C-alpha atoms as a PDB file:
ATOM      1  CA  HIS A   1      68.332  -2.839 -32.000  1.00  0.00           C
ATOM      2  CA  THR A   2      68.032   0.056 -29.814  1.00  0.00           C
ATOM      3  CA  ALA A   3      71.003   2.060 -32.388  1.00  0.00           C
ATOM      4  CA  ARG A   4      68.633   1.506 -35.479  1.00  0.00           C
ATOM      5  CA  GLN A   5      65.378   3.751 -33.801  1.00  0.00           C
ATOM      6  CA  GLN A   6      66.031   6.942 -35.340  1.00  0.00           C
ATOM      7  CA  PRO A   7      64.038  10.822 -33.280  1.00  0.00           C
ATOM      8  CA  LYS A   8      61.094  10.826 -35.620  1.00  0.00           C
ATOM      9  CA  ALA A   9      62.527  15.264 -35.893  1.00  0.00           C
ATOM     10  CA  PRO A  10      58.953  16.234 -37.966  1.00  0.00           C
ATOM     11  CA  ARG A  11      56.738  15.145 -35.781  1.00  0.00           C
ATOM     12  CA  ALA A  12      58.154  15.865 -32.743  1.00  0.00           C
ATOM     13  CA  MET A  13      58.876  19.628 -33.876  1.00  0.00           C
ATOM     14  CA  GLN A  14      54.480  19.654 -35.026  1.00  0.00           C
ATOM     15  CA  ARG A  15      53.681  18.562 -31.594  1.00  0.00           C
ATOM     16  CA  GLU A  16      56.172  21.867 -30.414  1.00  0.00           C
ATOM     17  CA  GLU A  17      54.119  23.675 -33.439  1.00  0.00           C
ATOM     18  CA  THR A  18      51.690  26.406 -32.123  1.00  0.00           C
ATOM     19  CA  GLU A  19      48.092  27.129 -33.013  1.00  0.00           C
ATOM     20  CA  GLU A  20      49.179  30.305 -35.620  1.00  0.00           C
ATOM     21  CA  GLU A  21      52.805  28.049 -36.700  1.00  0.00           C
ATOM     22  CA  ARG A  22      50.627  25.271 -37.766  1.00  0.00           C
ATOM     23  CA  ARG A  23      48.302  27.549 -39.744  1.00  0.00           C
ATOM     24  CA  ALA A  24      51.015  29.304 -41.279  1.00  0.00           C
ATOM     25  CA  ARG A  25      53.239  26.294 -42.378  1.00  0.00           C
ATOM     26  CA  ARG A  26      49.635  24.975 -43.592  1.00  0.00           C
ATOM     27  CA  LEU A  27      49.140  27.718 -45.840  1.00  0.00           C
ATOM     28  CA  ALA A  28      52.314  27.472 -47.421  1.00  0.00           C
ATOM     29  CA  LYS A  29      52.210  23.611 -48.792  1.00  0.00           C
ATOM     30  CA  LYS A  30      48.536  25.536 -50.329  1.00  0.00           C
ATOM     31  CA  ALA A  31      49.933  28.118 -52.382  1.00  0.00           C
ATOM     32  CA  ALA A  32      53.416  25.977 -53.196  1.00  0.00           C
ATOM     33  CA  LYS A  33      50.899  22.772 -54.298  1.00  0.00           C
ATOM     34  CA  GLU A  34      48.653  25.745 -56.296  1.00  0.00           C
ATOM     35  CA  ALA A  35      51.665  27.214 -57.398  1.00  0.00           C
ATOM     36  CA  ARG A  36      52.707  23.985 -59.050  1.00  0.00           C
ATOM     37  CA  LYS A  37      49.666  23.783 -60.441  1.00  0.00           C
ATOM     38  CA  ALA A  38      50.040  26.812 -62.296  1.00  0.00           C
ATOM     39  CA  GLU A  39      53.108  26.248 -63.606  1.00  0.00           C
ATOM     40  CA  THR A  40      52.176  23.645 -65.856  1.00  0.00           C
ATOM     41  CA  VAL A  41      49.118  24.013 -68.944  1.00  0.00           C
ATOM     42  CA  ALA A  42      48.582  20.857 -70.488  1.00  0.00           C
ATOM     43  CA  GLY A  43      51.027  19.074 -68.805  1.00  0.00           C
ATOM     44  CA  TYR A  44      53.693  21.924 -69.663  1.00  0.00           C
ATOM     45  CA  SER A  45      55.640  24.251 -67.353  1.00  0.00           C
ATOM     46  CA  ASN A  46      57.996  27.240 -67.914  1.00  0.00           C
ATOM     47  CA  SER A  47      61.073  25.437 -67.625  1.00  0.00           C
ATOM     48  CA  THR A  48      59.622  22.657 -69.856  1.00  0.00           C
ATOM     49  CA  ASN A  49      57.758  22.708 -73.073  1.00  0.00           C
ATOM     50  CA  PRO A  50      58.523  22.043 -76.288  1.00  0.00           C
ATOM     51  CA  PHE A  51      58.528  25.939 -77.367  1.00  0.00           C
ATOM     52  CA  ASN A  52      61.201  27.124 -75.340  1.00  0.00           C
ATOM     53  CA  ASP A  53      58.813  29.366 -73.731  1.00  0.00           C
ATOM     54  CA  PRO A  54      59.568  30.791 -70.456  1.00  0.00           C
ATOM     55  CA  ASN A  55      56.627  33.074 -69.646  1.00  0.00           C
ATOM     56  CA  LEU A  56      54.196  30.253 -70.908  1.00  0.00           C
ATOM     57  CA  ASN A  57      52.097  30.500 -67.888  1.00  0.00           C
ATOM     58  CA  GLU A  58      51.677  33.654 -67.916  1.00  0.00           C
ATOM     59  CA  GLN A  59      48.716  35.341 -68.930  1.00  0.00           C
ATOM     60  CA  PHE A  60      48.784  36.715 -72.751  1.00  0.00           C
ATOM     61  CA  VAL A  61      48.973  40.380 -73.709  1.00  0.00           C
ATOM     62  CA  TRP A  62      48.317  41.517 -77.016  1.00  0.00           C
ATOM     63  CA  GLY A  63      51.576  44.381 -76.622  1.00  0.00           C
ATOM     64  CA  LYS A  64      50.192  45.526 -80.153  1.00  0.00           C
ATOM     65  CA  LYS A  65      46.383  45.982 -79.662  1.00  0.00           C
ATOM     66  CA  GLN A  66      46.878  47.558 -76.164  1.00  0.00           C
ATOM     67  CA  THR A  67      49.437  50.391 -78.420  1.00  0.00           C
ATOM     68  CA  ARG A  68      46.503  50.331 -81.143  1.00  0.00           C
ATOM     69  CA  ASP A  69      43.699  50.933 -78.548  1.00  0.00           C
ATOM     70  CA  GLY A  70      45.745  52.852 -76.677  1.00  0.00           C
ATOM     71  CA  THR A  71      45.238  51.251 -73.098  1.00  0.00           C
ATOM     72  CA  THR A  72      47.786  51.262 -70.874  1.00  0.00           C
ATOM     73  CA  GLU A  73      48.794  47.712 -69.372  1.00  0.00           C
ATOM     74  CA  GLN A  74      46.697  49.013 -66.241  1.00  0.00           C
ATOM     75  CA  GLU A  75      43.606  49.536 -67.935  1.00  0.00           C
ATOM     76  CA  ALA A  76      43.703  45.952 -69.083  1.00  0.00           C
ATOM     77  CA  ARG A  77      44.625  44.363 -66.681  1.00  0.00           C
ATOM     78  CA  ALA A  78      40.830  46.008 -65.158  1.00  0.00           C
ATOM     79  CA  THR A  79      39.795  45.204 -68.479  1.00  0.00           C
ATOM     80  CA  ALA A  80      40.627  41.699 -68.136  1.00  0.00           C
ATOM     81  CA  LYS A  81      39.443  41.725 -64.206  1.00  0.00           C
ATOM     82  CA  ARG A  82      35.858  43.213 -65.260  1.00  0.00           C
ATOM     83  CA  ARG A  83      35.719  39.826 -67.877  1.00  0.00           C
ATOM     84  CA  ARG A  84      36.767  37.511 -65.801  1.00  0.00           C
ATOM     85  CA  HIS A  85      33.925  38.445 -63.359  1.00  0.00           C
ATOM     86  CA  GLU A  86      31.449  38.605 -65.741  1.00  0.00           C
ATOM     87  CA  VAL A  87      32.724  35.204 -66.388  1.00  0.00           C
ATOM     88  CA  ALA A  88      32.248  34.309 -63.474  1.00  0.00           C
ATOM     89  CA  ALA A  89      28.964  36.202 -63.017  1.00  0.00           C
ATOM     90  CA  GLU A  90      27.352  33.558 -66.209  1.00  0.00           C
ATOM     91  CA  LEU A  91      28.794  30.995 -64.920  1.00  0.00           C
ATOM     92  CA  GLN A  92      26.926  31.250 -61.906  1.00  0.00           C
ATOM     93  CA  LYS A  93      23.871  31.988 -63.521  1.00  0.00           C
ATOM     94  CA  VAL A  94      23.974  28.579 -65.124  1.00  0.00           C
ATOM     95  CA  LYS A  95      24.638  26.860 -61.969  1.00  0.00           C
ATOM     96  CA  GLU A  96      21.654  28.805 -60.689  1.00  0.00           C
ATOM     97  CA  SER A  97      19.666  27.598 -63.977  1.00  0.00           C
ATOM     98  CA  ARG A  98      20.713  23.934 -63.465  1.00  0.00           C
ATOM     99  CA  GLU A  99      19.882  23.702 -59.803  1.00  0.00           C
ATOM    100  CA  LYS A 100      17.028  25.442 -60.371  1.00  0.00           C
ATOM    101  CA  GLY A 101      15.772  22.216 -62.977  1.00  0.00           C
ATOM    102  CA  GLU A 102      17.389  20.275 -60.450  1.00  0.00           C
ATOM    103  CA  ARG A 103      14.455  21.371 -57.788  1.00  0.00           C
ATOM    104  CA  GLU A 104      11.851  21.455 -60.572  1.00  0.00           C
ATOM    105  CA  ARG A 105      12.747  17.478 -61.671  1.00  0.00           C
ATOM    106  CA  GLU A 106      12.729  16.755 -58.047  1.00  0.00           C
ATOM    107  CA  ALA A 107       9.102  17.845 -57.630  1.00  0.00           C
ATOM    108  CA  TRP A 108       7.853  16.579 -60.464  1.00  0.00           C
ATOM    109  CA  GLU A 109       9.362  13.206 -59.035  1.00  0.00           C
ATOM    110  CA  ALA A 110       7.787  13.304 -56.157  1.00  0.00           C
ATOM    111  CA  GLU A 111       4.825  14.652 -57.452  1.00  0.00           C
ATOM    112  CA  LYS A 112       4.384  11.772 -59.402  1.00  0.00           C
ATOM    113  CA  ARG A 113       5.636   9.895 -57.168  1.00  0.00           C
ATOM    114  CA  GLN A 114       2.368  10.850 -55.150  1.00  0.00           C
ATOM    115  CA  LEU A 115      -0.522  10.347 -58.148  1.00  0.00           C
ATOM    116  CA  ASP A 116       1.654   6.476 -58.275  1.00  0.00           C
ATOM    117  CA  LYS A 117       1.059   6.235 -54.689  1.00  0.00           C
ATOM    118  CA  GLU A 118      -2.603   7.585 -55.034  1.00  0.00           C
ATOM    119  CA  ARG A 119      -2.895   5.011 -58.553  1.00  0.00           C
ATOM    120  CA  GLU A 120      -1.907   2.423 -55.925  1.00  0.00           C
ATOM    121  CA  GLN A 121      -4.564   3.430 -53.753  1.00  0.00           C
ATOM    122  CA  MET A 122      -7.193   3.425 -55.967  1.00  0.00           C
ATOM    123  CA  ALA A 123      -6.477   0.668 -57.447  1.00  0.00           C
ATOM    124  CA  PHE A 124      -6.889  -1.276 -54.217  1.00  0.00           C
ATOM    125  CA  ALA A 125      -9.874   0.568 -53.074  1.00  0.00           C
ATOM    126  CA  ASP A 126     -11.152  -0.506 -56.520  1.00  0.00           C
ATOM    127  CA  ASN A 127     -10.170  -4.696 -55.937  1.00  0.00           C
ATOM    128  CA  GLN A 128     -12.150  -4.378 -52.403  1.00  0.00           C
ATOM    129  CA  ARG A 129     -14.148  -3.222 -54.087  1.00  0.00           C
ATOM    130  CA  ARG A 130     -14.974  -5.684 -56.536  1.00  0.00           C
ATOM    131  CA  GLU A 131     -13.891  -8.075 -54.186  1.00  0.00           C
ATOM    132  CA  ASP A 132     -16.470  -7.251 -51.386  1.00  0.00           C
ATOM    133  CA  GLU A 133     -19.170  -7.095 -54.418  1.00  0.00           C
ATOM    134  CA  PHE A 134     -18.389 -10.458 -55.212  1.00  0.00           C
ATOM    135  CA  GLN A 135     -18.266 -11.918 -51.687  1.00  0.00           C
ATOM    136  CA  LEU A 136     -21.956 -10.279 -51.293  1.00  0.00           C
ATOM    137  CA  GLN A 137     -23.470 -12.150 -54.823  1.00  0.00           C
ATOM    138  CA  GLN A 138     -22.341 -14.702 -53.321  1.00  0.00           C
ATOM    139  CA  GLU A 139     -23.694 -15.111 -49.446  1.00  0.00           C
ATOM    140  CA  ARG A 140     -27.468 -13.588 -51.703  1.00  0.00           C
ATOM    141  CA  SER A 141     -26.639 -17.289 -53.575  1.00  0.00           C
ATOM    142  CA  ARG A 142     -26.434 -18.647 -50.563  1.00  0.00           C
ATOM    143  CA  ALA A 143     -29.400 -17.143 -48.320  1.00  0.00           C
ATOM    144  CA  VAL A 144     -31.353 -18.090 -52.032  1.00  0.00           C
ATOM    145  CA  ARG A 145     -30.007 -21.777 -51.652  1.00  0.00           C
ATOM    146  CA  ARG A 146     -31.226 -22.081 -48.033  1.00  0.00           C
ATOM    147  CA  VAL A 147     -34.991 -20.425 -49.210  1.00  0.00           C
ATOM    148  CA  GLU A 148     -35.103 -22.726 -51.992  1.00  0.00           C
ATOM    149  CA  GLU A 149     -34.034 -25.678 -49.521  1.00  0.00           C
ATOM    150  CA  GLY A 150     -36.171 -24.088 -46.494  1.00  0.00           C
ATOM    151  CA  ARG A 151     -33.886 -23.581 -44.294  1.00  0.00           C
ATOM    152  CA  ALA A 152     -33.748 -19.992 -44.451  1.00  0.00           C
ATOM    153  CA  ARG A 153     -32.352 -17.705 -41.538  1.00  0.00           C
ATOM    154  CA  LEU A 154     -33.603 -14.494 -40.854  1.00  0.00           C
ATOM    155  CA  VAL A 155     -31.117 -12.791 -42.518  1.00  0.00           C
ATOM    156  CA  ASP A 156     -31.937 -14.896 -45.530  1.00  0.00           C
ATOM    157  CA  LEU A 157     -34.664 -14.313 -45.663  1.00  0.00           C
ATOM    158  CA  LEU A 158     -33.965  -9.674 -44.693  1.00  0.00           C
ATOM    159  CA  THR A 159     -31.152  -9.972 -47.522  1.00  0.00           C
ATOM    160  CA  ALA A 160     -33.673 -11.332 -50.405  1.00  0.00           C
ATOM    161  CA  GLY A 161     -36.008  -8.020 -48.401  1.00  0.00           C
ATOM    162  CA  LEU A 162     -32.879  -5.810 -49.515  1.00  0.00           C
ATOM    163  CA  SER A 163     -32.322  -6.950 -52.913  1.00  0.00           C
ATOM    164  CA  LEU A 164     -36.262  -6.387 -53.268  1.00  0.00           C
ATOM    165  CA  LEU A 165     -35.510  -2.510 -53.320  1.00  0.00           C
ATOM    166  CA  GLU A 166     -32.573  -2.478 -55.412  1.00  0.00           C
ATOM    167  CA  SER A 167     -33.719  -1.130 -59.590  1.00  0.00           C
ATOM    168  CA  ASP A 168     -32.170  -3.767 -61.102  1.00  0.00           C
ATOM    169  CA  ALA A 169     -32.565  -6.723 -59.005  1.00  0.00           C
ATOM    170  CA  ALA A 170     -35.241  -9.661 -60.197  1.00  0.00           C
ATOM    171  CA  PRO A 171     -38.324 -10.250 -58.175  1.00  0.00           C
ATOM    172  CA  SER A 172     -38.286 -13.319 -56.187  1.00  0.00           C
ATOM    173  CA  GLU A 173     -41.040 -15.676 -54.937  1.00  0.00           C
ATOM    174  CA  LEU A 174     -38.940 -17.492 -52.767  1.00  0.00           C
ATOM    175  CA  LEU A 175     -39.770 -14.786 -50.636  1.00  0.00           C
ATOM    176  CA  PRO A 176     -42.877 -15.891 -47.789  1.00  0.00           C
ATOM    177  CA  ASN A 177     -45.994 -13.740 -47.855  1.00  0.00           C
ATOM    178  CA  GLU A 178     -44.695 -10.964 -45.865  1.00  0.00           C
ATOM    179  CA  VAL A 179     -40.788 -10.512 -44.980  1.00  0.00           C
ATOM    180  CA  PRO A 180     -40.128 -11.151 -41.138  1.00  0.00           C
ATOM    181  CA  ASP A 181     -40.216  -8.007 -38.667  1.00  0.00           C
ATOM    182  CA  PRO A 182     -36.395  -8.056 -37.732  1.00  0.00           C
ATOM    183  CA  LEU A 183     -37.365  -5.801 -34.406  1.00  0.00           C
ATOM    184  CA  ALA A 184     -39.999  -9.179 -33.629  1.00  0.00           C
ATOM    185  CA  VAL A 185     -37.379 -11.832 -34.129  1.00  0.00           C
ATOM    186  CA  PHE A 186     -34.860  -9.816 -31.872  1.00  0.00           C
ATOM    187  CA  GLU A 187     -37.215  -9.961 -28.632  1.00  0.00           C
ATOM    188  CA  HIS A 188     -38.234 -13.990 -29.317  1.00  0.00           C
ATOM    189  CA  SER A 189     -35.143 -15.003 -29.639  1.00  0.00           C
ATOM    190  CA  SER A 190     -32.760 -17.084 -27.121  1.00  0.00           C
ATOM    191  CA  GLU A 191     -29.211 -15.504 -25.941  1.00  0.00           C
ATOM    192  CA  ALA A 192     -27.576 -18.655 -28.365  1.00  0.00           C
ATOM    193  CA  GLU A 193     -29.646 -17.241 -31.316  1.00  0.00           C
ATOM    194  CA  LEU A 194     -28.202 -13.460 -30.560  1.00  0.00           C
ATOM    195  CA  ARG A 195     -25.103 -14.101 -30.499  1.00  0.00           C
ATOM    196  CA  GLU A 196     -24.850 -16.457 -33.707  1.00  0.00           C
ATOM    197  CA  LEU A 197     -27.359 -13.103 -35.174  1.00  0.00           C
ATOM    198  CA  GLN A 198     -24.610 -10.700 -34.331  1.00  0.00           C
ATOM    199  CA  GLY A 199     -22.160 -12.646 -36.258  1.00  0.00           C
ATOM    200  CA  GLU A 200     -24.028 -12.664 -39.425  1.00  0.00           C
ATOM    201  CA  ILE A 201     -24.750  -9.194 -39.051  1.00  0.00           C
ATOM    202  CA  SER A 202     -20.722  -8.227 -38.982  1.00  0.00           C
ATOM    203  CA  ARG A 203     -20.893  -9.716 -42.138  1.00  0.00           C
ATOM    204  CA  HIS A 204     -23.349  -8.431 -44.263  1.00  0.00           C
ATOM    205  CA  SER A 205     -22.453  -4.905 -42.642  1.00  0.00           C
ATOM    206  CA  ASP A 206     -18.967  -5.393 -44.202  1.00  0.00           C
ATOM    207  CA  LEU A 207     -19.489  -6.613 -47.351  1.00  0.00           C
ATOM    208  CA  ASP A 208     -22.764  -4.464 -47.965  1.00  0.00           C
ATOM    209  CA  SER A 209     -22.250  -1.270 -47.769  1.00  0.00           C
ATOM    210  CA  GLY A 210     -24.927  -0.279 -49.887  1.00  0.00           C
ATOM    211  CA  ASN A 211     -27.238  -0.542 -46.797  1.00  0.00           C
ATOM    212  CA  ALA A 212     -24.470   0.250 -44.095  1.00  0.00           C
ATOM    213  CA  ASP A 213     -27.116   2.521 -42.298  1.00  0.00           C
ATOM    214  CA  PHE A 214     -29.914  -0.597 -42.204  1.00  0.00           C
ATOM    215  CA  TRP A 215     -27.422  -2.872 -41.322  1.00  0.00           C
ATOM    216  CA  ALA A 216     -25.438  -0.457 -38.829  1.00  0.00           C
ATOM    217  CA  ALA A 217     -28.785  -0.561 -36.782  1.00  0.00           C
ATOM    218  CA  MET A 218     -29.499  -4.280 -36.814  1.00  0.00           C
ATOM    219  CA  GLY A 219     -26.090  -4.683 -34.947  1.00  0.00           C
ATOM    220  CA  LEU A 220     -27.547  -1.964 -32.347  1.00  0.00           C
ATOM    221  CA  VAL A 221     -30.576  -3.547 -31.758  1.00  0.00           C
ATOM    222  CA  CYS A 222     -29.187  -6.632 -31.342  1.00  0.00           C
ATOM    223  CA  ASP A 223     -26.942  -5.969 -29.072  1.00  0.00           C
ATOM    224  CA  ASP A 224     -29.549  -4.267 -26.658  1.00  0.00           C
ATOM    225  CA  ALA A 225     -31.584  -7.487 -26.840  1.00  0.00           C
ATOM    226  CA  LEU A 226     -28.933  -9.699 -25.958  1.00  0.00           C
ATOM    227  CA  GLN A 227     -27.399  -6.924 -22.786  1.00  0.00           C
ATOM    228  CA  ALA A 228     -31.777  -7.488 -22.100  1.00  0.00           C
ATOM    229  CA  SER A 229     -30.957 -11.193 -22.182  1.00  0.00           C
ATOM    230  CA  SER A 230     -27.982 -11.276 -19.685  1.00  0.00           C
ATOM    231  CA  GLY A 231     -30.209  -8.995 -17.103  1.00  0.00           C
ATOM    232  CA  ASP A 232     -27.279  -6.094 -17.417  1.00  0.00           C
ATOM    233  CA  THR A 233     -28.892  -2.987 -18.277  1.00  0.00           C
ATOM    234  CA  THR A 234     -27.164   0.381 -17.933  1.00  0.00           C
ATOM    235  CA  VAL A 235     -30.350   2.454 -16.737  1.00  0.00           C
ATOM    236  CA  THR A 236     -33.336   1.428 -14.614  1.00  0.00           C
ATOM    237  CA  ALA A 237     -37.223   1.010 -16.561  1.00  0.00           C
ATOM    238  CA  GLU A 238     -38.247   4.232 -14.665  1.00  0.00           C
ATOM    239  CA  VAL A 239     -35.470   7.092 -16.447  1.00  0.00           C
ATOM    240  CA  ARG A 240     -35.579   4.136 -19.730  1.00  0.00           C
ATOM    241  CA  GLY A 241     -39.142   5.660 -19.995  1.00  0.00           C
ATOM    242  CA  GLU A 242     -38.787   8.715 -19.297  1.00  0.00           C
ATOM    243  CA  ILE A 243     -36.628   8.991 -22.089  1.00  0.00           C
ATOM    244  CA  ASP A 244     -38.709   6.979 -24.558  1.00  0.00           C
ATOM    245  CA  ALA A 245     -40.769   9.274 -23.725  1.00  0.00           C
ATOM    246  CA  MET A 246     -39.036  11.968 -25.098  1.00  0.00           C
ATOM    247  CA  LEU A 247     -37.999  10.111 -27.946  1.00  0.00           C
ATOM    248  CA  ASP A 248     -41.202   8.604 -28.687  1.00  0.00           C
ATOM    249  CA  GLY A 249     -42.604   9.241 -32.449  1.00  0.00           C
ATOM    250  CA  LYS A 250     -39.603  10.903 -33.650  1.00  0.00           C
ATOM    251  CA  SER A 251     -38.321  10.097 -37.576  1.00  0.00           C
ATOM    252  CA  PRO A 252     -34.614   8.855 -37.787  1.00  0.00           C
ATOM    253  CA  ALA A 253     -33.915  12.448 -39.347  1.00  0.00           C
ATOM    254  CA  GLU A 254     -35.727  14.258 -36.020  1.00  0.00           C
ATOM    255  CA  LEU A 255     -33.534  11.787 -33.714  1.00  0.00           C
ATOM    256  CA  ASP A 256     -30.235  12.977 -35.649  1.00  0.00           C
ATOM    257  CA  GLU A 257     -30.646  16.378 -34.912  1.00  0.00           C
ATOM    258  CA  LEU A 258     -32.091  15.757 -31.532  1.00  0.00           C
ATOM    259  CA  GLN A 259     -28.646  13.686 -30.675  1.00  0.00           C
ATOM    260  CA  GLY A 260     -26.961  16.955 -31.701  1.00  0.00           C
ATOM    261  CA  GLN A 261     -28.578  19.568 -29.170  1.00  0.00           C
ATOM    262  CA  ILE A 262     -27.772  16.848 -26.654  1.00  0.00           C
ATOM    263  CA  VAL A 263     -24.173  16.138 -27.380  1.00  0.00           C
ATOM    264  CA  GLU A 264     -24.505  20.044 -26.508  1.00  0.00           C
ATOM    265  CA  LEU A 265     -26.206  19.584 -23.042  1.00  0.00           C
ATOM    266  CA  ALA A 266     -23.804  16.994 -22.322  1.00  0.00           C
ATOM    267  CA  ARG A 267     -20.965  19.599 -22.582  1.00  0.00           C
ATOM    268  CA  GLN A 268     -22.793  22.511 -20.310  1.00  0.00           C
ATOM    269  CA  ASP A 269     -24.805  19.759 -17.287  1.00  0.00           C
ATOM    270  CA  THR A 270     -22.781  17.848 -14.370  1.00  0.00           C
ATOM    271  CA  ASN A 271     -25.078  14.431 -15.050  1.00  0.00           C
ATOM    272  CA  ALA A 272     -22.650  13.452 -17.526  1.00  0.00           C
ATOM    273  CA  ASP A 273     -24.155  10.089 -16.370  1.00  0.00           C
ATOM    274  CA  TYR A 274     -27.709  10.586 -17.363  1.00  0.00           C
ATOM    275  CA  TRP A 275     -26.729  12.640 -20.630  1.00  0.00           C
ATOM    276  CA  GLY A 276     -24.885   8.990 -21.295  1.00  0.00           C
ATOM    277  CA  ALA A 277     -27.536   7.320 -21.229  1.00  0.00           C
ATOM    278  CA  VAL A 278     -29.911   9.298 -22.806  1.00  0.00           C
ATOM    279  CA  LEU A 279     -27.670   9.215 -25.983  1.00  0.00           C
ATOM    280  CA  ALA A 280     -27.341   5.481 -25.903  1.00  0.00           C
ATOM    281  CA  ARG A 281     -31.641   4.954 -25.805  1.00  0.00           C
ATOM    282  CA  LEU A 282     -31.747   7.846 -28.155  1.00  0.00           C
ATOM    283  CA  ARG A 283     -29.546   5.270 -30.675  1.00  0.00           C
ATOM    284  CA  LEU A 284     -31.059   2.380 -30.085  1.00  0.00           C
ATOM    285  CA  VAL A 285     -34.231   4.149 -30.717  1.00  0.00           C
ATOM    286  CA  ARG A 286     -33.323   5.994 -33.616  1.00  0.00           C
ATOM    287  CA  ALA A 287     -32.221   2.172 -35.265  1.00  0.00           C
ATOM    288  CA  ARG A 288     -35.184   0.715 -34.540  1.00  0.00           C
ATOM    289  CA  ALA A 289     -37.092   3.654 -36.613  1.00  0.00           C
ATOM    290  CA  VAL A 290     -34.389   2.702 -39.118  1.00  0.00           C
ATOM    291  CA  LEU A 291     -35.609  -0.687 -39.235  1.00  0.00           C
ATOM    292  CA  SER A 292     -39.125  -0.677 -38.904  1.00  0.00           C
ATOM    293  CA  GLY A 293     -39.055   1.679 -42.134  1.00  0.00           C
ATOM    294  CA  THR A 294     -37.190  -0.763 -43.775  1.00  0.00           C
ATOM    295  CA  HIS A 295     -39.224  -3.138 -43.178  1.00  0.00           C
ATOM    296  CA  GLY A 296     -42.442  -1.105 -44.121  1.00  0.00           C
ATOM    297  CA  ARG A 297     -40.577  -0.568 -47.527  1.00  0.00           C
ATOM    298  CA  MET A 298     -39.674  -4.165 -48.474  1.00  0.00           C
ATOM    299  CA  ARG A 299     -43.269  -4.996 -47.212  1.00  0.00           C
ATOM    300  CA  ARG A 300     -44.631  -2.716 -50.064  1.00  0.00           C
ATOM    301  CA  ARG A 301     -42.182  -3.198 -52.759  1.00  0.00           C
ATOM    302  CA  GLN A 302     -42.889  -7.319 -51.961  1.00  0.00           C
ATOM    303  CA  ALA A 303     -46.901  -5.799 -53.206  1.00  0.00           C
ATOM    304  CA  GLU A 304     -45.799  -4.571 -55.701  1.00  0.00           C
ATOM    305  CA  VAL A 305     -44.144  -7.198 -57.054  1.00  0.00           C
ATOM    306  CA  ALA A 306     -46.987  -9.828 -56.504  1.00  0.00           C
ATOM    307  CA  ARG A 307     -49.336  -7.331 -57.896  1.00  0.00           C
ATOM    308  CA  ALA A 308     -46.950  -7.134 -61.096  1.00  0.00           C
ATOM    309  CA  GLY A 309     -47.124 -10.726 -61.627  1.00  0.00           C
ATOM    310  CA  GLY A 310     -50.716 -11.501 -61.399  1.00  0.00           C
ATOM    311  CA  GLY A 311     -50.864 -12.404 -57.201  1.00  0.00           C
END
């Protein structure tokens, strides 16, 4: 078996080549390949073609035209070279134009994808809005049914009262003589009742975007009532009294303006805890003002409906 093995001379020779020799060998191989390729025109070579033309692959030179035009072979070659450059330049323009067109197409497709995405998002948001409206109507229908059956909860009565404030709402004869004051209810509810009310407020807050400020205010006052019922207070009664005196009598708009001023003071003052307590109390006072104002509008609207109905 040993006698049959032959030494691999070419591979051994390649390992002994220097970098320059290897580069030269590869260039020679490439040149030979290009020469073989150039020797053929439409599958024919100088030595093998049906025209018996030994110069088949040579560039055609119209000798008589050169003689007639009075140009030398050198000038003709220069002209041919110039034309090749012109053709190459024209091809480059075509290539650049094609690449520009591809970039424009890609930009258009990207813009189209973005528009499609935005349409999908808008369609999703629209579907979500319709779903929320449907769920809100269901909540209102259930509230009306509970009022009819004499088992209405505070949220049911408030929902009916809010409906009175909508311009397209039909007057309801099911409401009591006076829409209940939510602030009074918070003060007389047990901790268990407040926790149940907290969940109902959260559900209505998610659905009733048209009355978002009202339900947000309900949530703040409910949270504060729960804190008070559990004995968890962050400030003393004395400090709370000072803060309330500073905020007393201000409208929600005035409280919003004051909030910006207090935030700026909190940035400059080292007593961050105090100003944090002021901001928390301000938000609560504003929430109570929103509920009080909304309750007043409900009562006025209910009186208008009663007068219009001859009540």
